[in-house]
Amino acid sequence: MIILRKKLNHGRPNRVFRYVLFILLAVSQICYHIWLLFHHAWSLKTSLPLQLSDLSVYLAMLMVMTKSKKLFAFLYFAGLGSAIQAMATPDLGAYTFPHFRYIVFFVSHGCVFLACLFMASAEKYRPSVHALWVSVLIVNLYGACVFFIDRVLNANYLYLMKKPKTASLLNVFGPWPWYLLSMEAAVILSFFILYIPFWLLKKRA
């Protein structure tokens, strides 16, 4: 994608690539929820797209179709950061490759990664320090809203109530609720790490 960024910058290649990303993101989510319904596993406690990485899938669909710079400013930090973390430590239980659940998970989250990379390389969008801190604020406000949803539904979206059962970075952050503070620091640190490539580009320019 980076090598072909100039060809993907305009015209038919640009449209085709964006449409393909949109279709992959949409189909992955539709198929996932159909699979949940078919297996009688759909639940308000676990199936709403409230995890940050799941919400990013829908925002990425909107971003690639509208070319929204505001969505990119948020998704580059929150979407890309959550997608990388989700793929590094997937909470999939017993579902491993080549199970349908495994493939759909990595297709959807992988396409969020590709969508952000596409907007940065082909469309030449650039994140900023201001966007970084706005993203931190939005994530915290969103987390506060999800916290109350968790309380009402007795759910664990964003892992605000307890740690995931699978291997996760949260396992080294201490017990609840203290790991929430560590998670806040980790979010800010990860956003700054994601900004480093553009800081270096800006400094070189």
N, C-alpha and C. Protein backbone atom coordinates (compact mmCIF):
# COMPACT_ATOMS: atom_id res chain seq x y z
N MET A 1 0.82 -1.20 0.00
CA MET A 1 0.00 0.00 0.00
C MET A 1 0.86 1.26 0.00
N ILE A 2 1.91 1.23 0.80
CA ILE A 2 2.81 2.38 0.86
C ILE A 2 3.55 2.56 -0.46
N ILE A 3 3.99 1.44 -1.05
CA ILE A 3 4.70 1.49 -2.32
C ILE A 3 3.80 2.03 -3.43
N LEU A 4 2.53 1.65 -3.40
CA LEU A 4 1.58 2.06 -4.44
C LEU A 4 0.75 3.28 -4.05
N ARG A 5 1.21 4.02 -3.05
CA ARG A 5 0.42 5.12 -2.52
C ARG A 5 0.07 6.18 -3.56
N LYS A 6 0.97 6.44 -4.52
CA LYS A 6 0.70 7.46 -5.54
C LYS A 6 -0.40 7.01 -6.48
N LYS A 7 -0.42 5.72 -6.83
CA LYS A 7 -1.47 5.21 -7.71
C LYS A 7 -2.81 5.14 -6.98
N LEU A 8 -2.76 4.94 -5.67
CA LEU A 8 -3.99 4.85 -4.87
C LEU A 8 -4.51 6.20 -4.44
N ASN A 9 -3.83 7.25 -4.82
CA ASN A 9 -4.17 8.59 -4.36
C ASN A 9 -5.40 9.17 -5.04
N HIS A 10 -5.72 8.70 -6.23
CA HIS A 10 -6.83 9.31 -6.97
C HIS A 10 -7.43 8.31 -7.95
N GLY A 11 -8.55 8.71 -8.53
CA GLY A 11 -9.18 7.95 -9.60
C GLY A 11 -9.76 6.62 -9.18
N ARG A 12 -9.84 5.72 -10.15
CA ARG A 12 -10.47 4.43 -9.95
C ARG A 12 -9.76 3.57 -8.90
N PRO A 13 -8.41 3.49 -8.90
CA PRO A 13 -7.75 2.68 -7.86
C PRO A 13 -8.12 3.12 -6.46
N ASN A 14 -8.25 4.42 -6.26
CA ASN A 14 -8.61 4.96 -4.95
C ASN A 14 -10.01 4.51 -4.55
N ARG A 15 -10.95 4.64 -5.47
CA ARG A 15 -12.34 4.25 -5.18
C ARG A 15 -12.45 2.76 -4.94
N VAL A 16 -11.81 1.97 -5.80
CA VAL A 16 -11.89 0.51 -5.68
C VAL A 16 -11.34 0.05 -4.35
N PHE A 17 -10.20 0.60 -3.95
CA PHE A 17 -9.59 0.17 -2.69
C PHE A 17 -10.47 0.54 -1.51
N ARG A 18 -11.05 1.74 -1.53
CA ARG A 18 -11.93 2.15 -0.44
C ARG A 18 -13.19 1.30 -0.39
N TYR A 19 -13.76 0.97 -1.56
CA TYR A 19 -14.96 0.14 -1.60
C TYR A 19 -14.67 -1.27 -1.10
N VAL A 20 -13.51 -1.79 -1.47
CA VAL A 20 -13.13 -3.14 -1.00
C VAL A 20 -13.00 -3.16 0.51
N LEU A 21 -12.35 -2.14 1.08
CA LEU A 21 -12.23 -2.06 2.53
C LEU A 21 -13.60 -1.96 3.19
N PHE A 22 -14.46 -1.13 2.62
CA PHE A 22 -15.81 -0.97 3.17
C PHE A 22 -16.57 -2.29 3.15
N ILE A 23 -16.51 -3.00 2.02
CA ILE A 23 -17.23 -4.26 1.88
C ILE A 23 -16.69 -5.30 2.87
N LEU A 24 -15.37 -5.40 2.99
CA LEU A 24 -14.79 -6.36 3.93
C LEU A 24 -15.20 -6.05 5.36
N LEU A 25 -15.19 -4.78 5.73
CA LEU A 25 -15.59 -4.38 7.08
C LEU A 25 -17.07 -4.68 7.32
N ALA A 26 -17.91 -4.32 6.35
CA ALA A 26 -19.36 -4.52 6.50
C ALA A 26 -19.71 -6.00 6.53
N VAL A 27 -19.18 -6.77 5.59
CA VAL A 27 -19.50 -8.20 5.51
C VAL A 27 -19.03 -8.93 6.76
N SER A 28 -17.85 -8.56 7.26
CA SER A 28 -17.33 -9.23 8.46
C SER A 28 -18.26 -9.03 9.64
N GLN A 29 -18.80 -7.82 9.79
CA GLN A 29 -19.70 -7.55 10.91
C GLN A 29 -21.07 -8.20 10.72
N ILE A 30 -21.59 -8.14 9.51
CA ILE A 30 -22.89 -8.76 9.25
C ILE A 30 -22.82 -10.27 9.48
N CYS A 31 -21.78 -10.89 8.93
CA CYS A 31 -21.62 -12.34 9.09
C CYS A 31 -21.42 -12.73 10.56
N TYR A 32 -20.69 -11.89 11.29
CA TYR A 32 -20.44 -12.20 12.70
C TYR A 32 -21.74 -12.21 13.49
N HIS A 33 -22.58 -11.20 13.29
CA HIS A 33 -23.83 -11.14 14.05
C HIS A 33 -24.82 -12.20 13.59
N ILE A 34 -24.81 -12.54 12.30
CA ILE A 34 -25.64 -13.65 11.84
C ILE A 34 -25.19 -14.96 12.49
N TRP A 35 -23.88 -15.14 12.58
CA TRP A 35 -23.34 -16.35 13.22
C TRP A 35 -23.76 -16.42 14.69
N LEU A 36 -23.70 -15.28 15.38
CA LEU A 36 -24.12 -15.25 16.78
C LEU A 36 -25.59 -15.61 16.92
N LEU A 37 -26.43 -15.04 16.06
CA LEU A 37 -27.86 -15.32 16.11
C LEU A 37 -28.15 -16.79 15.78
N PHE A 38 -27.44 -17.32 14.79
CA PHE A 38 -27.64 -18.70 14.39
C PHE A 38 -27.30 -19.67 15.52
N HIS A 39 -26.29 -19.33 16.30
CA HIS A 39 -25.86 -20.19 17.41
C HIS A 39 -26.49 -19.77 18.75
N HIS A 40 -27.48 -18.88 18.67
CA HIS A 40 -28.19 -18.41 19.87
C HIS A 40 -27.20 -17.85 20.91
N ALA A 41 -26.19 -17.13 20.40
CA ALA A 41 -25.15 -16.59 21.28
C ALA A 41 -25.19 -15.06 21.35
N TRP A 42 -26.15 -14.44 20.62
CA TRP A 42 -26.22 -12.99 20.63
C TRP A 42 -26.79 -12.53 21.96
N SER A 43 -26.11 -11.56 22.59
CA SER A 43 -26.54 -11.09 23.91
C SER A 43 -26.20 -9.62 24.06
N LEU A 44 -27.06 -8.90 24.77
CA LEU A 44 -26.77 -7.49 25.05
C LEU A 44 -25.50 -7.33 25.89
N LYS A 45 -25.18 -8.35 26.66
CA LYS A 45 -24.02 -8.28 27.55
C LYS A 45 -22.70 -8.42 26.81
N THR A 46 -22.72 -9.06 25.66
CA THR A 46 -21.45 -9.37 24.99
C THR A 46 -21.40 -9.00 23.51
N SER A 47 -22.53 -8.73 22.88
CA SER A 47 -22.55 -8.62 21.42
C SER A 47 -22.71 -7.21 20.86
N LEU A 48 -22.95 -6.24 21.71
CA LEU A 48 -23.04 -4.87 21.23
C LEU A 48 -21.65 -4.38 20.81
N PRO A 49 -21.55 -3.58 19.77
CA PRO A 49 -20.24 -3.10 19.30
C PRO A 49 -19.71 -1.93 20.16
N LEU A 50 -19.53 -2.21 21.44
CA LEU A 50 -19.11 -1.17 22.37
C LEU A 50 -17.63 -1.23 22.72
N GLN A 51 -16.98 -2.36 22.43
CA GLN A 51 -15.53 -2.37 22.60
C GLN A 51 -14.95 -1.35 21.63
N LEU A 52 -13.89 -0.68 22.03
CA LEU A 52 -13.32 0.38 21.20
C LEU A 52 -12.89 -0.15 19.84
N SER A 53 -12.33 -1.36 19.83
CA SER A 53 -11.90 -1.95 18.56
C SER A 53 -13.09 -2.30 17.67
N ASP A 54 -14.23 -2.70 18.29
CA ASP A 54 -15.43 -3.01 17.51
C ASP A 54 -16.08 -1.74 16.98
N LEU A 55 -16.15 -0.71 17.82
CA LEU A 55 -16.70 0.57 17.37
C LEU A 55 -15.87 1.14 16.23
N SER A 56 -14.56 0.93 16.29
CA SER A 56 -13.66 1.45 15.26
C SER A 56 -13.95 0.84 13.90
N VAL A 57 -14.47 -0.38 13.87
CA VAL A 57 -14.82 -1.02 12.60
C VAL A 57 -15.89 -0.20 11.89
N TYR A 58 -16.91 0.22 12.61
CA TYR A 58 -18.00 1.00 12.01
C TYR A 58 -17.54 2.41 11.64
N LEU A 59 -16.70 2.99 12.48
CA LEU A 59 -16.17 4.32 12.17
C LEU A 59 -15.24 4.26 10.96
N ALA A 60 -14.49 3.17 10.82
CA ALA A 60 -13.60 3.02 9.67
C ALA A 60 -14.40 2.89 8.38
N MET A 61 -15.54 2.20 8.44
CA MET A 61 -16.43 2.12 7.28
C MET A 61 -16.87 3.50 6.84
N LEU A 62 -17.23 4.32 7.80
CA LEU A 62 -17.67 5.68 7.50
C LEU A 62 -16.50 6.52 6.98
N MET A 63 -15.32 6.31 7.55
CA MET A 63 -14.15 7.10 7.16
C MET A 63 -13.75 6.84 5.71
N VAL A 64 -13.70 5.57 5.30
CA VAL A 64 -13.23 5.28 3.94
C VAL A 64 -14.24 5.74 2.88
N MET A 65 -15.51 5.88 3.26
CA MET A 65 -16.50 6.33 2.29
C MET A 65 -16.60 7.85 2.23
N THR A 66 -16.34 8.51 3.35
CA THR A 66 -16.47 9.97 3.38
C THR A 66 -15.14 10.70 3.31
N LYS A 67 -14.05 9.97 3.50
CA LYS A 67 -12.70 10.55 3.57
C LYS A 67 -12.63 11.64 4.65
N SER A 68 -13.29 11.40 5.75
CA SER A 68 -13.36 12.38 6.82
C SER A 68 -12.02 12.52 7.54
N LYS A 69 -11.49 13.73 7.57
CA LYS A 69 -10.23 13.98 8.27
C LYS A 69 -10.43 13.93 9.79
N LYS A 70 -11.61 14.30 10.25
CA LYS A 70 -11.89 14.26 11.69
C LYS A 70 -11.94 12.82 12.17
N LEU A 71 -12.56 11.95 11.39
CA LEU A 71 -12.60 10.54 11.77
C LEU A 71 -11.19 9.94 11.75
N PHE A 72 -10.40 10.33 10.76
CA PHE A 72 -9.03 9.83 10.70
C PHE A 72 -8.24 10.29 11.92
N ALA A 73 -8.42 11.55 12.32
CA ALA A 73 -7.69 12.09 13.47
C ALA A 73 -7.96 11.28 14.72
N PHE A 74 -9.19 10.77 14.86
CA PHE A 74 -9.53 9.94 16.01
C PHE A 74 -9.13 8.49 15.80
N LEU A 75 -9.44 7.96 14.62
CA LEU A 75 -9.19 6.54 14.37
C LEU A 75 -7.71 6.20 14.30
N TYR A 76 -6.89 7.15 13.86
CA TYR A 76 -5.46 6.83 13.79
C TYR A 76 -4.93 6.46 15.17
N PHE A 77 -5.40 7.15 16.18
CA PHE A 77 -4.94 6.86 17.55
C PHE A 77 -5.80 5.77 18.20
N ALA A 78 -7.08 6.04 18.34
CA ALA A 78 -7.95 5.12 19.08
C ALA A 78 -8.25 3.85 18.29
N GLY A 79 -8.52 3.98 17.00
CA GLY A 79 -8.83 2.81 16.19
C GLY A 79 -7.63 1.94 15.91
N LEU A 80 -6.56 2.57 15.48
CA LEU A 80 -5.34 1.82 15.18
C LEU A 80 -4.76 1.19 16.44
N GLY A 81 -4.72 1.97 17.53
CA GLY A 81 -4.19 1.46 18.79
C GLY A 81 -4.98 0.29 19.32
N SER A 82 -6.32 0.39 19.28
CA SER A 82 -7.16 -0.70 19.79
C SER A 82 -7.12 -1.91 18.88
N ALA A 83 -7.02 -1.69 17.55
CA ALA A 83 -6.96 -2.81 16.61
C ALA A 83 -5.68 -3.61 16.80
N ILE A 84 -4.57 -2.90 16.99
CA ILE A 84 -3.29 -3.58 17.20
C ILE A 84 -3.33 -4.39 18.49
N GLN A 85 -3.86 -3.78 19.56
CA GLN A 85 -3.95 -4.48 20.84
C GLN A 85 -4.89 -5.68 20.74
N ALA A 86 -6.00 -5.51 20.02
CA ALA A 86 -6.96 -6.61 19.87
C ALA A 86 -6.34 -7.77 19.11
N MET A 87 -5.59 -7.48 18.06
CA MET A 87 -4.98 -8.55 17.27
C MET A 87 -3.80 -9.19 17.99
N ALA A 88 -3.13 -8.39 18.83
CA ALA A 88 -1.99 -8.94 19.57
C ALA A 88 -2.44 -9.87 20.69
N THR A 89 -3.56 -9.52 21.34
CA THR A 89 -4.09 -10.36 22.42
C THR A 89 -5.59 -10.57 22.20
N PRO A 90 -5.98 -11.35 21.19
CA PRO A 90 -7.40 -11.53 20.86
C PRO A 90 -8.17 -12.28 21.94
N ASP A 91 -9.33 -11.73 22.29
CA ASP A 91 -10.21 -12.36 23.28
C ASP A 91 -11.21 -13.23 22.53
N LEU A 92 -10.74 -14.41 22.08
CA LEU A 92 -11.56 -15.28 21.23
C LEU A 92 -11.91 -16.61 21.90
N GLY A 93 -11.50 -16.77 23.14
CA GLY A 93 -11.81 -18.01 23.82
C GLY A 93 -11.16 -19.20 23.14
N ALA A 94 -11.96 -20.21 22.80
CA ALA A 94 -11.43 -21.44 22.21
C ALA A 94 -11.37 -21.39 20.68
N TYR A 95 -11.80 -20.27 20.10
CA TYR A 95 -11.84 -20.18 18.64
C TYR A 95 -10.48 -19.82 18.08
N THR A 96 -9.87 -20.75 17.37
CA THR A 96 -8.57 -20.53 16.76
C THR A 96 -8.67 -20.77 15.26
N PHE A 97 -7.61 -20.46 14.55
CA PHE A 97 -7.58 -20.66 13.10
C PHE A 97 -7.73 -22.14 12.78
N PRO A 98 -8.56 -22.51 11.80
CA PRO A 98 -9.26 -21.66 10.82
C PRO A 98 -10.75 -21.46 11.12
N HIS A 99 -11.12 -21.34 12.37
CA HIS A 99 -12.53 -21.15 12.71
C HIS A 99 -13.05 -19.84 12.14
N PHE A 100 -14.34 -19.83 11.78
CA PHE A 100 -14.98 -18.65 11.21
C PHE A 100 -14.82 -17.43 12.12
N ARG A 101 -15.02 -17.63 13.41
CA ARG A 101 -14.92 -16.51 14.37
C ARG A 101 -13.53 -15.89 14.34
N TYR A 102 -12.52 -16.72 14.24
CA TYR A 102 -11.13 -16.25 14.20
C TYR A 102 -10.87 -15.42 12.95
N ILE A 103 -11.31 -15.94 11.80
CA ILE A 103 -11.07 -15.26 10.53
C ILE A 103 -11.79 -13.92 10.48
N VAL A 104 -13.05 -13.89 10.88
CA VAL A 104 -13.83 -12.65 10.87
C VAL A 104 -13.20 -11.61 11.78
N PHE A 105 -12.72 -12.04 12.94
CA PHE A 105 -12.10 -11.13 13.89
C PHE A 105 -10.89 -10.44 13.27
N PHE A 106 -10.02 -11.21 12.66
CA PHE A 106 -8.80 -10.63 12.11
C PHE A 106 -9.04 -9.86 10.82
N VAL A 107 -10.06 -10.25 10.05
CA VAL A 107 -10.41 -9.49 8.86
C VAL A 107 -10.91 -8.10 9.25
N SER A 108 -11.82 -8.04 10.21
CA SER A 108 -12.40 -6.75 10.60
C SER A 108 -11.37 -5.84 11.24
N HIS A 109 -10.61 -6.36 12.19
CA HIS A 109 -9.63 -5.52 12.87
C HIS A 109 -8.43 -5.21 11.96
N GLY A 110 -8.09 -6.17 11.11
CA GLY A 110 -7.02 -5.92 10.16
C GLY A 110 -7.38 -4.84 9.15
N CYS A 111 -8.64 -4.80 8.76
CA CYS A 111 -9.09 -3.78 7.81
C CYS A 111 -9.13 -2.39 8.45
N VAL A 112 -9.37 -2.31 9.75
CA VAL A 112 -9.27 -1.02 10.44
C VAL A 112 -7.83 -0.51 10.35
N PHE A 113 -6.89 -1.42 10.58
CA PHE A 113 -5.47 -1.08 10.46
C PHE A 113 -5.16 -0.59 9.05
N LEU A 114 -5.64 -1.32 8.03
CA LEU A 114 -5.37 -0.96 6.64
C LEU A 114 -6.05 0.35 6.26
N ALA A 115 -7.24 0.60 6.80
CA ALA A 115 -7.96 1.83 6.49
C ALA A 115 -7.19 3.05 6.99
N CYS A 116 -6.66 2.95 8.20
CA CYS A 116 -5.87 4.06 8.75
C CYS A 116 -4.58 4.25 7.96
N LEU A 117 -3.94 3.14 7.60
CA LEU A 117 -2.72 3.21 6.81
C LEU A 117 -2.99 3.79 5.43
N PHE A 118 -4.12 3.42 4.84
CA PHE A 118 -4.50 3.93 3.53
C PHE A 118 -4.69 5.44 3.57
N MET A 119 -5.41 5.93 4.56
CA MET A 119 -5.65 7.37 4.65
C MET A 119 -4.36 8.15 4.89
N ALA A 120 -3.43 7.54 5.62
CA ALA A 120 -2.17 8.21 5.90
C ALA A 120 -1.23 8.18 4.70
N SER A 121 -1.22 7.07 3.96
CA SER A 121 -0.27 6.93 2.86
C SER A 121 -0.83 7.45 1.54
N ALA A 122 -2.01 6.98 1.14
CA ALA A 122 -2.58 7.37 -0.14
C ALA A 122 -3.22 8.76 -0.10
N GLU A 123 -4.00 9.02 0.95
CA GLU A 123 -4.68 10.31 1.06
C GLU A 123 -3.80 11.38 1.72
N LYS A 124 -2.69 10.96 2.27
CA LYS A 124 -1.72 11.88 2.90
C LYS A 124 -2.30 12.65 4.08
N TYR A 125 -3.23 12.01 4.82
CA TYR A 125 -3.74 12.62 6.04
C TYR A 125 -2.67 12.49 7.12
N ARG A 126 -2.63 13.47 8.01
CA ARG A 126 -1.63 13.48 9.06
C ARG A 126 -2.27 13.74 10.42
N PRO A 127 -1.95 12.91 11.41
CA PRO A 127 -2.43 13.17 12.78
C PRO A 127 -1.63 14.32 13.39
N SER A 128 -2.13 14.86 14.46
CA SER A 128 -1.45 15.96 15.15
C SER A 128 -1.46 15.72 16.65
N VAL A 129 -0.65 16.48 17.35
CA VAL A 129 -0.63 16.38 18.82
C VAL A 129 -1.98 16.80 19.38
N HIS A 130 -2.57 17.81 18.77
CA HIS A 130 -3.90 18.24 19.21
C HIS A 130 -4.91 17.11 19.06
N ALA A 131 -4.88 16.43 17.92
CA ALA A 131 -5.79 15.29 17.69
C ALA A 131 -5.52 14.17 18.69
N LEU A 132 -4.27 14.00 19.06
CA LEU A 132 -3.90 12.98 20.05
C LEU A 132 -4.62 13.23 21.37
N TRP A 133 -4.54 14.44 21.87
CA TRP A 133 -5.16 14.75 23.16
C TRP A 133 -6.69 14.78 23.07
N VAL A 134 -7.22 15.21 21.92
CA VAL A 134 -8.67 15.14 21.72
C VAL A 134 -9.14 13.70 21.73
N SER A 135 -8.35 12.80 21.13
CA SER A 135 -8.69 11.37 21.12
C SER A 135 -8.67 10.80 22.53
N VAL A 136 -7.68 11.21 23.33
CA VAL A 136 -7.63 10.78 24.73
C VAL A 136 -8.89 11.22 25.46
N LEU A 137 -9.30 12.46 25.25
CA LEU A 137 -10.51 12.98 25.90
C LEU A 137 -11.75 12.21 25.46
N ILE A 138 -11.87 11.97 24.15
CA ILE A 138 -13.03 11.25 23.64
C ILE A 138 -13.09 9.83 24.20
N VAL A 139 -11.93 9.16 24.22
CA VAL A 139 -11.88 7.79 24.76
C VAL A 139 -12.32 7.77 26.21
N ASN A 140 -11.90 8.76 27.00
CA ASN A 140 -12.29 8.81 28.41
C ASN A 140 -13.78 9.10 28.58
N LEU A 141 -14.31 10.01 27.78
CA LEU A 141 -15.75 10.30 27.85
C LEU A 141 -16.56 9.09 27.41
N TYR A 142 -16.08 8.42 26.37
CA TYR A 142 -16.75 7.22 25.89
C TYR A 142 -16.69 6.12 26.96
N GLY A 143 -15.54 5.99 27.59
CA GLY A 143 -15.38 5.00 28.65
C GLY A 143 -16.33 5.25 29.81
N ALA A 144 -16.55 6.53 30.15
CA ALA A 144 -17.47 6.87 31.23
C ALA A 144 -18.89 6.45 30.88
N CYS A 145 -19.27 6.66 29.62
CA CYS A 145 -20.62 6.25 29.17
C CYS A 145 -20.76 4.73 29.20
N VAL A 146 -19.73 4.03 28.72
CA VAL A 146 -19.77 2.58 28.68
C VAL A 146 -19.79 1.99 30.09
N PHE A 147 -19.15 2.67 31.04
CA PHE A 147 -19.14 2.21 32.42
C PHE A 147 -20.56 2.08 32.96
N PHE A 148 -21.39 3.09 32.68
CA PHE A 148 -22.78 3.04 33.15
C PHE A 148 -23.58 1.97 32.39
N ILE A 149 -23.27 1.78 31.12
CA ILE A 149 -23.93 0.71 30.36
C ILE A 149 -23.56 -0.65 30.96
N ASP A 150 -22.28 -0.80 31.32
CA ASP A 150 -21.84 -2.05 31.96
C ASP A 150 -22.60 -2.30 33.26
N ARG A 151 -22.79 -1.24 34.02
CA ARG A 151 -23.49 -1.40 35.31
C ARG A 151 -24.94 -1.81 35.09
N VAL A 152 -25.58 -1.21 34.10
CA VAL A 152 -26.98 -1.51 33.83
C VAL A 152 -27.16 -2.92 33.29
N LEU A 153 -26.25 -3.33 32.37
CA LEU A 153 -26.38 -4.63 31.71
C LEU A 153 -25.64 -5.74 32.44
N ASN A 154 -24.91 -5.37 33.49
CA ASN A 154 -24.02 -6.33 34.16
C ASN A 154 -23.05 -6.94 33.15
N ALA A 155 -22.49 -6.07 32.32
CA ALA A 155 -21.58 -6.47 31.24
C ALA A 155 -20.15 -6.07 31.58
N ASN A 156 -19.27 -6.25 30.61
CA ASN A 156 -17.86 -5.92 30.84
C ASN A 156 -17.22 -5.30 29.59
N TYR A 157 -17.97 -4.45 28.91
CA TYR A 157 -17.42 -3.77 27.74
C TYR A 157 -16.26 -2.86 28.16
N LEU A 158 -15.25 -2.81 27.31
CA LEU A 158 -14.00 -2.08 27.56
C LEU A 158 -13.23 -2.66 28.75
N TYR A 159 -13.68 -3.80 29.28
CA TYR A 159 -13.04 -4.45 30.42
C TYR A 159 -12.95 -3.49 31.62
N LEU A 160 -14.02 -2.72 31.80
CA LEU A 160 -14.04 -1.75 32.90
C LEU A 160 -14.44 -2.39 34.23
N MET A 161 -15.08 -3.56 34.16
CA MET A 161 -15.54 -4.23 35.37
C MET A 161 -14.58 -5.30 35.86
N LYS A 162 -13.91 -5.96 34.93
CA LYS A 162 -12.94 -7.00 35.27
C LYS A 162 -12.04 -7.26 34.07
N LYS A 163 -10.95 -7.95 34.31
CA LYS A 163 -10.01 -8.25 33.24
C LYS A 163 -10.54 -9.37 32.36
N PRO A 164 -10.08 -9.43 31.11
CA PRO A 164 -10.47 -10.56 30.25
C PRO A 164 -9.85 -11.86 30.76
N LYS A 165 -10.49 -12.98 30.43
CA LYS A 165 -9.99 -14.27 30.89
C LYS A 165 -8.76 -14.72 30.10
N THR A 166 -8.62 -14.20 28.88
CA THR A 166 -7.48 -14.58 28.05
C THR A 166 -6.27 -13.72 28.38
N ALA A 167 -5.11 -14.08 27.82
CA ALA A 167 -3.88 -13.32 28.04
C ALA A 167 -4.07 -11.90 27.52
N SER A 168 -3.68 -10.93 28.34
CA SER A 168 -3.87 -9.53 27.98
C SER A 168 -2.86 -8.68 28.71
N LEU A 169 -2.61 -7.51 28.14
CA LEU A 169 -1.73 -6.55 28.79
C LEU A 169 -2.27 -6.13 30.15
N LEU A 170 -3.60 -6.21 30.32
CA LEU A 170 -4.22 -5.82 31.58
C LEU A 170 -3.79 -6.73 32.73
N ASN A 171 -3.34 -7.93 32.43
CA ASN A 171 -2.97 -8.88 33.47
C ASN A 171 -1.76 -8.43 34.28
N VAL A 172 -0.98 -7.50 33.74
CA VAL A 172 0.20 -7.01 34.47
C VAL A 172 -0.06 -5.65 35.11
N PHE A 173 -1.31 -5.20 35.05
CA PHE A 173 -1.63 -3.86 35.55
C PHE A 173 -2.24 -3.84 36.95
N GLY A 174 -2.23 -4.97 37.65
CA GLY A 174 -2.75 -4.98 39.00
C GLY A 174 -4.23 -5.28 39.06
N PRO A 175 -4.82 -5.30 40.26
CA PRO A 175 -6.24 -5.65 40.44
C PRO A 175 -7.16 -4.49 40.08
N TRP A 176 -8.47 -4.81 39.98
CA TRP A 176 -9.48 -3.77 39.78
C TRP A 176 -9.62 -2.99 41.08
N PRO A 177 -9.81 -1.67 41.06
CA PRO A 177 -9.92 -0.79 39.90
C PRO A 177 -8.60 -0.15 39.49
N TRP A 178 -7.50 -0.56 40.16
CA TRP A 178 -6.23 0.13 39.93
C TRP A 178 -5.71 -0.06 38.51
N TYR A 179 -6.06 -1.21 37.89
CA TYR A 179 -5.55 -1.41 36.53
C TYR A 179 -6.17 -0.42 35.54
N LEU A 180 -7.29 0.22 35.93
CA LEU A 180 -7.89 1.23 35.06
C LEU A 180 -6.98 2.44 34.92
N LEU A 181 -6.31 2.81 36.01
CA LEU A 181 -5.36 3.93 35.95
C LEU A 181 -4.16 3.56 35.08
N SER A 182 -3.69 2.33 35.24
CA SER A 182 -2.58 1.87 34.40
C SER A 182 -2.99 1.81 32.94
N MET A 183 -4.24 1.42 32.69
CA MET A 183 -4.74 1.36 31.33
C MET A 183 -4.80 2.75 30.71
N GLU A 184 -5.15 3.74 31.52
CA GLU A 184 -5.17 5.12 31.05
C GLU A 184 -3.78 5.57 30.61
N ALA A 185 -2.79 5.27 31.44
CA ALA A 185 -1.41 5.62 31.10
C ALA A 185 -0.95 4.88 29.84
N ALA A 186 -1.34 3.61 29.72
CA ALA A 186 -0.96 2.82 28.55
C ALA A 186 -1.58 3.37 27.27
N VAL A 187 -2.81 3.85 27.37
CA VAL A 187 -3.48 4.44 26.21
C VAL A 187 -2.72 5.68 25.73
N ILE A 188 -2.40 6.56 26.66
CA ILE A 188 -1.68 7.78 26.30
C ILE A 188 -0.31 7.45 25.71
N LEU A 189 0.39 6.50 26.32
CA LEU A 189 1.71 6.10 25.83
C LEU A 189 1.61 5.52 24.42
N SER A 190 0.62 4.67 24.20
CA SER A 190 0.46 4.05 22.88
C SER A 190 0.13 5.10 21.82
N PHE A 191 -0.66 6.11 22.19
CA PHE A 191 -0.98 7.18 21.24
C PHE A 191 0.29 7.95 20.85
N PHE A 192 1.13 8.22 21.84
CA PHE A 192 2.38 8.92 21.54
C PHE A 192 3.30 8.07 20.67
N ILE A 193 3.33 6.77 20.91
CA ILE A 193 4.15 5.88 20.09
C ILE A 193 3.66 5.89 18.65
N LEU A 194 2.34 5.88 18.46
CA LEU A 194 1.77 5.93 17.12
C LEU A 194 2.07 7.25 16.43
N TYR A 195 2.26 8.31 17.21
CA TYR A 195 2.53 9.62 16.61
C TYR A 195 4.00 9.78 16.21
N ILE A 196 4.88 8.98 16.76
CA ILE A 196 6.32 9.13 16.52
C ILE A 196 6.69 9.16 15.04
N PRO A 197 6.18 8.25 14.19
CA PRO A 197 6.56 8.31 12.77
C PRO A 197 6.26 9.65 12.12
N PHE A 198 5.14 10.26 12.46
CA PHE A 198 4.77 11.54 11.87
C PHE A 198 5.56 12.68 12.50
N TRP A 199 5.91 12.54 13.76
CA TRP A 199 6.78 13.52 14.40
C TRP A 199 8.16 13.53 13.74
N LEU A 200 8.65 12.34 13.40
CA LEU A 200 9.94 12.24 12.73
C LEU A 200 9.87 12.82 11.32
N LEU A 201 8.76 12.55 10.60
CA LEU A 201 8.58 13.12 9.28
C LEU A 201 8.53 14.64 9.32
N LYS A 202 7.80 15.15 10.31
CA LYS A 202 7.66 16.59 10.46
C LYS A 202 9.00 17.22 10.81
N LYS A 203 9.75 16.56 11.68
CA LYS A 203 11.05 17.08 12.07
C LYS A 203 12.03 17.09 10.91
N ARG A 204 11.98 16.03 10.08
CA ARG A 204 12.87 15.95 8.91
C ARG A 204 12.52 17.01 7.89
N ALA A 205 11.20 17.27 7.73
CA ALA A 205 10.77 18.29 6.77
C ALA A 205 11.18 19.69 7.21
